[in-house]
Structures are given as structure tokens and as C-alpha cells.
Amino acid sequence: MLMGTYHGKKREWHPNGQLAEEADYELGFELRHKLWDEDGNLIEEFERDENDPAYEELKEERETYKEEIEEEERRRRDSGES
């Protein structure tokens, strides 16, 4: 998780140990996921298309996050922190 939102790979398992879900997130936005039944059969697959309106939101969040990181780096540099 990053700042209270999913960021990176998320996995969940069925009680029998089989992988149930695998998803990739960036800044809280789901980019893709796969779901499997308890026997390991793929039952759903999703990948967010760049034309999806939510993808535009992700691009805005990327820019905001980049600006926040740059501001934090400036603040640390100006205060003498490493």
C-alpha cells in the first residue's frame, strides 16, 4: 500500500491454497486482474484500456504524486535533511 491505497501487486488465496485473485494497482487504480476458481481455472481477466476514463484520472494522479515527491525532496534539501 502507498498512502493508504493499493499500489503494486495484490494476491488473495482460496481456503484450499489455490490462488483466487491477482491484481496490479497503481496509486489506487486497478490496472489489471485475474480471478480463479478453487480448482485453479481462470474465470475472469481484466485489463484497463488507456481509453478508459479512469486511466485519465490515473495520469492526473501520477502527475500529482510526482509533484508531491519533488516538493518533499526540495523541503528536505532546504532543511538539510538527507
N, C-alpha and C. Protein backbone atom coordinates (compact mmCIF):
# COMPACT_ATOMS: atom_id res chain seq x y z
N MET A 1 0.85 -1.18 0.00
CA MET A 1 0.00 0.00 0.00
C MET A 1 0.88 1.24 0.00
N LEU A 2 0.36 2.26 -0.60
CA LEU A 2 1.06 3.53 -0.68
C LEU A 2 0.06 4.61 -0.29
N MET A 3 0.36 5.33 0.77
CA MET A 3 -0.52 6.40 1.26
C MET A 3 -1.95 5.91 1.45
N GLY A 4 -2.13 4.70 1.96
CA GLY A 4 -3.46 4.18 2.25
C GLY A 4 -4.20 3.62 1.07
N THR A 5 -3.54 3.50 -0.09
CA THR A 5 -4.18 2.93 -1.26
C THR A 5 -3.33 1.78 -1.80
N TYR A 6 -3.98 0.90 -2.55
CA TYR A 6 -3.22 -0.19 -3.16
C TYR A 6 -2.25 0.36 -4.19
N HIS A 7 -1.04 -0.21 -4.16
CA HIS A 7 -0.02 0.16 -5.12
C HIS A 7 0.89 -1.06 -5.28
N GLY A 8 0.88 -1.64 -6.46
CA GLY A 8 1.68 -2.84 -6.69
C GLY A 8 0.77 -4.04 -6.88
N LYS A 9 1.33 -5.20 -6.61
CA LYS A 9 0.60 -6.45 -6.82
C LYS A 9 -0.20 -6.83 -5.57
N LYS A 10 -1.41 -7.30 -5.79
CA LYS A 10 -2.28 -7.78 -4.71
C LYS A 10 -2.66 -9.22 -5.04
N ARG A 11 -2.55 -10.11 -4.06
CA ARG A 11 -2.93 -11.51 -4.25
C ARG A 11 -3.78 -11.98 -3.10
N GLU A 12 -4.77 -12.82 -3.44
CA GLU A 12 -5.62 -13.46 -2.44
C GLU A 12 -5.73 -14.94 -2.81
N TRP A 13 -5.91 -15.79 -1.78
CA TRP A 13 -5.98 -17.22 -1.99
C TRP A 13 -7.29 -17.80 -1.49
N HIS A 14 -7.71 -18.89 -2.12
CA HIS A 14 -8.85 -19.66 -1.63
C HIS A 14 -8.42 -20.41 -0.38
N PRO A 15 -9.38 -20.84 0.45
CA PRO A 15 -9.03 -21.60 1.67
C PRO A 15 -8.21 -22.86 1.37
N ASN A 16 -8.34 -23.42 0.15
CA ASN A 16 -7.59 -24.64 -0.18
C ASN A 16 -6.16 -24.34 -0.66
N GLY A 17 -5.77 -23.06 -0.66
CA GLY A 17 -4.42 -22.69 -1.04
C GLY A 17 -4.26 -22.28 -2.49
N GLN A 18 -5.29 -22.47 -3.30
CA GLN A 18 -5.23 -22.06 -4.70
C GLN A 18 -5.32 -20.53 -4.77
N LEU A 19 -4.57 -19.97 -5.72
CA LEU A 19 -4.65 -18.53 -5.95
C LEU A 19 -6.05 -18.17 -6.41
N ALA A 20 -6.65 -17.18 -5.77
CA ALA A 20 -8.02 -16.76 -6.11
C ALA A 20 -8.01 -15.49 -6.95
N GLU A 21 -7.09 -14.59 -6.64
CA GLU A 21 -7.07 -13.30 -7.34
C GLU A 21 -5.66 -12.77 -7.40
N GLU A 22 -5.34 -12.14 -8.51
CA GLU A 22 -4.08 -11.42 -8.64
C GLU A 22 -4.40 -10.14 -9.39
N ALA A 23 -3.97 -9.03 -8.83
CA ALA A 23 -4.29 -7.73 -9.43
C ALA A 23 -3.08 -6.81 -9.31
N ASP A 24 -2.99 -5.89 -10.25
CA ASP A 24 -1.94 -4.88 -10.24
C ASP A 24 -2.61 -3.52 -10.09
N TYR A 25 -2.08 -2.73 -9.15
CA TYR A 25 -2.61 -1.40 -8.86
C TYR A 25 -1.51 -0.37 -8.99
N GLU A 26 -1.91 0.82 -9.34
CA GLU A 26 -1.00 1.96 -9.34
C GLU A 26 -1.74 3.13 -8.73
N LEU A 27 -1.22 3.60 -7.61
CA LEU A 27 -1.81 4.76 -6.91
C LEU A 27 -3.30 4.59 -6.67
N GLY A 28 -3.71 3.36 -6.35
CA GLY A 28 -5.10 3.07 -6.03
C GLY A 28 -5.96 2.69 -7.22
N PHE A 29 -5.45 2.76 -8.43
CA PHE A 29 -6.21 2.41 -9.63
C PHE A 29 -5.86 0.99 -10.06
N GLU A 30 -6.89 0.19 -10.23
CA GLU A 30 -6.66 -1.18 -10.69
C GLU A 30 -6.33 -1.16 -12.18
N LEU A 31 -5.18 -1.72 -12.52
CA LEU A 31 -4.75 -1.76 -13.92
C LEU A 31 -5.17 -3.05 -14.60
N ARG A 32 -5.10 -4.15 -13.85
CA ARG A 32 -5.48 -5.46 -14.40
C ARG A 32 -5.75 -6.41 -13.25
N HIS A 33 -6.54 -7.45 -13.54
CA HIS A 33 -6.73 -8.50 -12.55
C HIS A 33 -7.12 -9.81 -13.23
N LYS A 34 -6.88 -10.87 -12.49
CA LYS A 34 -7.31 -12.21 -12.90
C LYS A 34 -7.95 -12.87 -11.69
N LEU A 35 -9.02 -13.64 -11.94
CA LEU A 35 -9.69 -14.39 -10.89
C LEU A 35 -9.70 -15.86 -11.28
N TRP A 36 -9.47 -16.73 -10.28
CA TRP A 36 -9.50 -18.17 -10.49
C TRP A 36 -10.49 -18.82 -9.54
N ASP A 37 -11.09 -19.94 -9.96
CA ASP A 37 -11.95 -20.69 -9.05
C ASP A 37 -11.08 -21.56 -8.15
N GLU A 38 -11.71 -22.30 -7.25
CA GLU A 38 -10.96 -23.11 -6.27
C GLU A 38 -10.18 -24.24 -6.91
N ASP A 39 -10.50 -24.59 -8.16
CA ASP A 39 -9.76 -25.63 -8.88
C ASP A 39 -8.63 -25.07 -9.71
N GLY A 40 -8.43 -23.77 -9.69
CA GLY A 40 -7.34 -23.14 -10.43
C GLY A 40 -7.69 -22.74 -11.85
N ASN A 41 -8.98 -22.79 -12.20
CA ASN A 41 -9.41 -22.39 -13.54
C ASN A 41 -9.62 -20.88 -13.59
N LEU A 42 -9.03 -20.24 -14.61
CA LEU A 42 -9.20 -18.81 -14.79
C LEU A 42 -10.66 -18.53 -15.13
N ILE A 43 -11.30 -17.65 -14.36
CA ILE A 43 -12.72 -17.36 -14.59
C ILE A 43 -12.96 -15.90 -15.00
N GLU A 44 -11.96 -15.04 -14.81
CA GLU A 44 -12.13 -13.65 -15.22
C GLU A 44 -10.76 -13.02 -15.43
N GLU A 45 -10.68 -12.19 -16.44
CA GLU A 45 -9.45 -11.46 -16.71
C GLU A 45 -9.83 -10.06 -17.18
N PHE A 46 -9.14 -9.07 -16.65
CA PHE A 46 -9.46 -7.68 -16.94
C PHE A 46 -8.16 -6.90 -17.09
N GLU A 47 -8.12 -6.02 -18.08
CA GLU A 47 -7.01 -5.08 -18.20
C GLU A 47 -7.59 -3.73 -18.62
N ARG A 48 -7.25 -2.71 -17.83
CA ARG A 48 -7.78 -1.38 -18.10
C ARG A 48 -7.16 -0.83 -19.37
N ASP A 49 -7.99 -0.37 -20.26
CA ASP A 49 -7.57 0.20 -21.53
C ASP A 49 -7.19 1.67 -21.32
N GLU A 50 -6.22 2.15 -22.07
CA GLU A 50 -5.79 3.55 -21.94
C GLU A 50 -6.89 4.54 -22.35
N ASN A 51 -7.92 4.06 -23.03
CA ASN A 51 -9.04 4.93 -23.41
C ASN A 51 -10.12 5.00 -22.32
N ASP A 52 -9.98 4.20 -21.28
CA ASP A 52 -10.92 4.19 -20.16
C ASP A 52 -10.83 5.53 -19.43
N PRO A 53 -11.96 6.17 -19.10
CA PRO A 53 -11.91 7.45 -18.37
C PRO A 53 -11.10 7.38 -17.07
N ALA A 54 -11.10 6.23 -16.42
CA ALA A 54 -10.32 6.10 -15.18
C ALA A 54 -8.82 6.19 -15.46
N TYR A 55 -8.42 5.86 -16.66
CA TYR A 55 -7.00 5.95 -17.00
C TYR A 55 -6.56 7.42 -17.02
N GLU A 56 -7.44 8.29 -17.46
CA GLU A 56 -7.13 9.73 -17.42
C GLU A 56 -6.94 10.20 -15.98
N GLU A 57 -7.77 9.69 -15.08
CA GLU A 57 -7.62 10.02 -13.65
C GLU A 57 -6.27 9.55 -13.14
N LEU A 58 -5.87 8.35 -13.56
CA LEU A 58 -4.57 7.81 -13.14
C LEU A 58 -3.44 8.71 -13.63
N LYS A 59 -3.51 9.18 -14.85
CA LYS A 59 -2.46 10.06 -15.35
C LYS A 59 -2.38 11.34 -14.52
N GLU A 60 -3.53 11.87 -14.11
CA GLU A 60 -3.54 13.06 -13.25
C GLU A 60 -2.93 12.74 -11.89
N GLU A 61 -3.26 11.58 -11.33
CA GLU A 61 -2.70 11.18 -10.03
C GLU A 61 -1.19 10.99 -10.12
N ARG A 62 -0.72 10.43 -11.23
CA ARG A 62 0.73 10.28 -11.42
C ARG A 62 1.43 11.63 -11.35
N GLU A 63 0.86 12.62 -12.02
CA GLU A 63 1.45 13.96 -12.03
C GLU A 63 1.42 14.57 -10.63
N THR A 64 0.30 14.43 -9.94
CA THR A 64 0.19 14.95 -8.58
C THR A 64 1.21 14.28 -7.66
N TYR A 65 1.33 12.96 -7.76
CA TYR A 65 2.28 12.22 -6.92
C TYR A 65 3.71 12.68 -7.21
N LYS A 66 4.03 12.83 -8.49
CA LYS A 66 5.37 13.29 -8.88
C LYS A 66 5.66 14.66 -8.27
N GLU A 67 4.70 15.56 -8.35
CA GLU A 67 4.87 16.90 -7.79
C GLU A 67 5.06 16.85 -6.27
N GLU A 68 4.32 15.96 -5.60
CA GLU A 68 4.44 15.83 -4.14
C GLU A 68 5.82 15.31 -3.75
N ILE A 69 6.33 14.35 -4.51
CA ILE A 69 7.66 13.79 -4.23
C ILE A 69 8.73 14.87 -4.45
N GLU A 70 8.61 15.60 -5.54
CA GLU A 70 9.58 16.67 -5.81
C GLU A 70 9.55 17.73 -4.73
N GLU A 71 8.36 18.09 -4.26
CA GLU A 71 8.24 19.08 -3.18
C GLU A 71 8.88 18.57 -1.90
N GLU A 72 8.65 17.31 -1.58
CA GLU A 72 9.25 16.71 -0.38
C GLU A 72 10.77 16.70 -0.49
N GLU A 73 11.29 16.37 -1.65
CA GLU A 73 12.74 16.38 -1.85
C GLU A 73 13.32 17.78 -1.68
N ARG A 74 12.62 18.80 -2.22
CA ARG A 74 13.06 20.19 -2.05
C ARG A 74 13.05 20.59 -0.57
N ARG A 75 11.99 20.20 0.12
CA ARG A 75 11.87 20.55 1.54
C ARG A 75 13.02 19.94 2.34
N ARG A 76 13.31 18.67 2.06
CA ARG A 76 14.41 18.01 2.79
C ARG A 76 15.75 18.64 2.45
N ARG A 77 15.97 18.94 1.19
CA ARG A 77 17.23 19.55 0.77
C ARG A 77 17.39 20.92 1.43
N ASP A 78 16.31 21.69 1.44
CA ASP A 78 16.38 23.04 2.02
C ASP A 78 16.56 23.02 3.53
N SER A 79 16.07 21.98 4.19
CA SER A 79 16.21 21.90 5.65
C SER A 79 17.48 21.18 6.08
N GLY A 80 18.24 20.65 5.11
CA GLY A 80 19.50 19.97 5.43
C GLY A 80 19.33 18.51 5.76
N GLU A 81 18.12 17.96 5.61
CA GLU A 81 17.91 16.52 5.86
C GLU A 81 18.48 15.74 4.69
N SER A 82 18.82 14.43 4.96
CA SER A 82 19.30 13.60 3.85
C SER A 82 18.22 12.73 3.33
